[in-house]
Amino acid sequence: MPDPPQIVIQYAHDIGEYKLYSRPVLRKFGPLLLMPGQNQSGYGDKITMDYMLVFDHKPKAFRVYATCWSNAASHWINWHGKRVHLRTHFQNEIIHDEYSK
């Protein structure tokens, strides 16, 4: 029997130092003011967050997304078509007010 495939989780800090910037997104219209990707229960596979991640060695900003089901969520960016996770949502990162690039 072949070996099962290994699951490898890549983390953003393995790629390089980074900063998080606040870049609010528009909420869906309605009484719940849901984030894009968030369903009425508040959960979702790709919930758009109000943050952008910028690596110190790259000029491009990456939107932070969340996958949230039950009482657990993981935060990640799309790095060249792959999910790259943040270890925690605010892992001692400094949230900068403005991204000027």
Protein backbone atom coordinates (compact mmCIF):
# COMPACT_ATOMS: atom_id res chain seq x y z
CA MET A 1 0.00 0.00 0.00
CA PRO A 2 1.43 3.45 -0.89
CA ASP A 3 2.30 5.90 1.85
CA PRO A 4 -0.35 8.56 2.47
CA PRO A 5 0.56 12.03 1.19
CA GLN A 6 2.23 14.27 3.72
CA ILE A 7 0.60 17.53 4.67
CA VAL A 8 3.06 20.42 4.77
CA ILE A 9 1.95 23.76 6.17
CA GLN A 10 4.00 26.75 5.05
CA TYR A 11 4.13 29.77 7.32
CA ALA A 12 4.68 33.39 6.33
CA HIS A 13 7.57 33.89 8.74
CA ASP A 14 9.44 31.09 6.89
CA ILE A 15 9.37 33.25 3.73
CA GLY A 16 10.68 36.36 5.47
CA GLU A 17 10.02 39.21 7.85
CA TYR A 18 6.72 40.97 7.24
CA LYS A 19 4.41 43.69 8.45
CA LEU A 20 0.64 43.84 8.60
CA TYR A 21 -1.22 46.92 7.42
CA SER A 22 -4.82 47.91 8.00
CA ARG A 23 -6.73 48.06 4.70
CA PRO A 24 -10.47 47.79 5.42
CA VAL A 25 -12.73 46.02 2.92
CA LEU A 26 -16.33 46.88 2.14
CA ARG A 27 -18.87 44.82 4.07
CA LYS A 28 -21.84 43.18 2.41
CA PHE A 29 -24.95 45.32 2.59
CA GLY A 30 -27.47 44.25 5.22
CA PRO A 31 -28.02 44.19 8.96
CA LEU A 32 -25.17 41.73 9.61
CA LEU A 33 -22.46 43.68 7.72
CA LEU A 34 -20.68 40.47 6.77
CA MET A 35 -17.16 40.35 5.37
CA PRO A 36 -16.75 39.12 1.78
CA GLY A 37 -16.69 35.30 1.90
CA GLN A 38 -18.53 35.14 5.23
CA ASN A 39 -21.89 33.37 5.32
CA GLN A 40 -24.84 34.31 7.52
CA SER A 41 -23.62 32.11 10.36
CA GLY A 42 -20.35 34.06 10.43
CA TYR A 43 -18.25 31.20 9.06
CA GLY A 44 -16.55 30.66 5.72
CA ASP A 45 -13.66 29.16 3.77
CA LYS A 46 -12.20 32.40 2.43
CA ILE A 47 -13.24 35.37 4.54
CA THR A 48 -11.54 38.58 3.43
CA MET A 49 -9.89 40.31 6.38
CA ASP A 50 -9.11 44.00 6.92
CA TYR A 51 -5.36 43.40 6.71
CA MET A 52 -2.63 43.32 4.09
CA LEU A 53 0.68 41.54 4.61
CA VAL A 54 3.87 42.96 3.09
CA PHE A 55 7.17 41.10 3.21
CA ASP A 56 10.19 43.31 3.86
CA HIS A 57 11.89 42.05 0.68
CA LYS A 58 8.84 42.23 -1.64
CA PRO A 59 6.99 45.35 -2.82
CA LYS A 60 3.66 43.52 -3.27
CA ALA A 61 0.94 43.51 -0.61
CA PHE A 62 -1.03 40.31 0.02
CA ARG A 63 -4.58 40.29 1.40
CA VAL A 64 -5.05 38.28 4.59
CA TYR A 65 -7.90 35.75 4.53
CA ALA A 66 -9.44 33.57 7.23
CA THR A 67 -10.96 30.13 7.20
CA CYS A 68 -13.36 29.91 10.13
CA TRP A 69 -15.59 27.00 11.17
CA SER A 70 -16.96 26.34 14.65
CA ASN A 71 -14.78 28.19 17.16
CA ALA A 72 -11.47 27.94 15.28
CA ALA A 73 -9.97 30.04 12.50
CA SER A 74 -6.75 30.09 10.54
CA HIS A 75 -5.38 33.18 8.81
CA TRP A 76 -3.47 32.96 5.57
CA ILE A 77 -2.38 34.69 2.37
CA ASN A 78 -2.39 33.48 -1.22
CA TRP A 79 1.32 33.22 -2.14
CA HIS A 80 1.72 32.27 -5.81
CA GLY A 81 -1.39 30.08 -5.71
CA LYS A 82 -0.61 28.42 -2.37
CA ARG A 83 -1.91 29.10 1.12
CA VAL A 84 0.75 30.47 3.42
CA HIS A 85 -0.45 30.67 7.00
CA LEU A 86 0.13 33.16 9.76
CA ARG A 87 0.91 31.36 13.01
CA THR A 88 -1.71 33.39 14.84
CA HIS A 89 -3.86 36.31 13.83
CA PHE A 90 -1.88 38.96 15.73
CA GLN A 91 1.33 37.06 16.47
CA ASN A 92 2.97 40.10 18.07
CA GLU A 93 2.82 41.85 14.70
CA ILE A 94 2.69 45.60 14.61
CA ILE A 95 -0.37 46.74 12.70
CA HIS A 96 0.57 49.77 10.64
CA ASP A 97 -2.13 52.27 9.78
CA GLU A 98 -1.32 52.83 6.17
CA TYR A 99 0.32 51.04 3.28
CA SER A 100 1.58 53.60 0.80
CA LYS A 101 2.74 51.47 -2.13
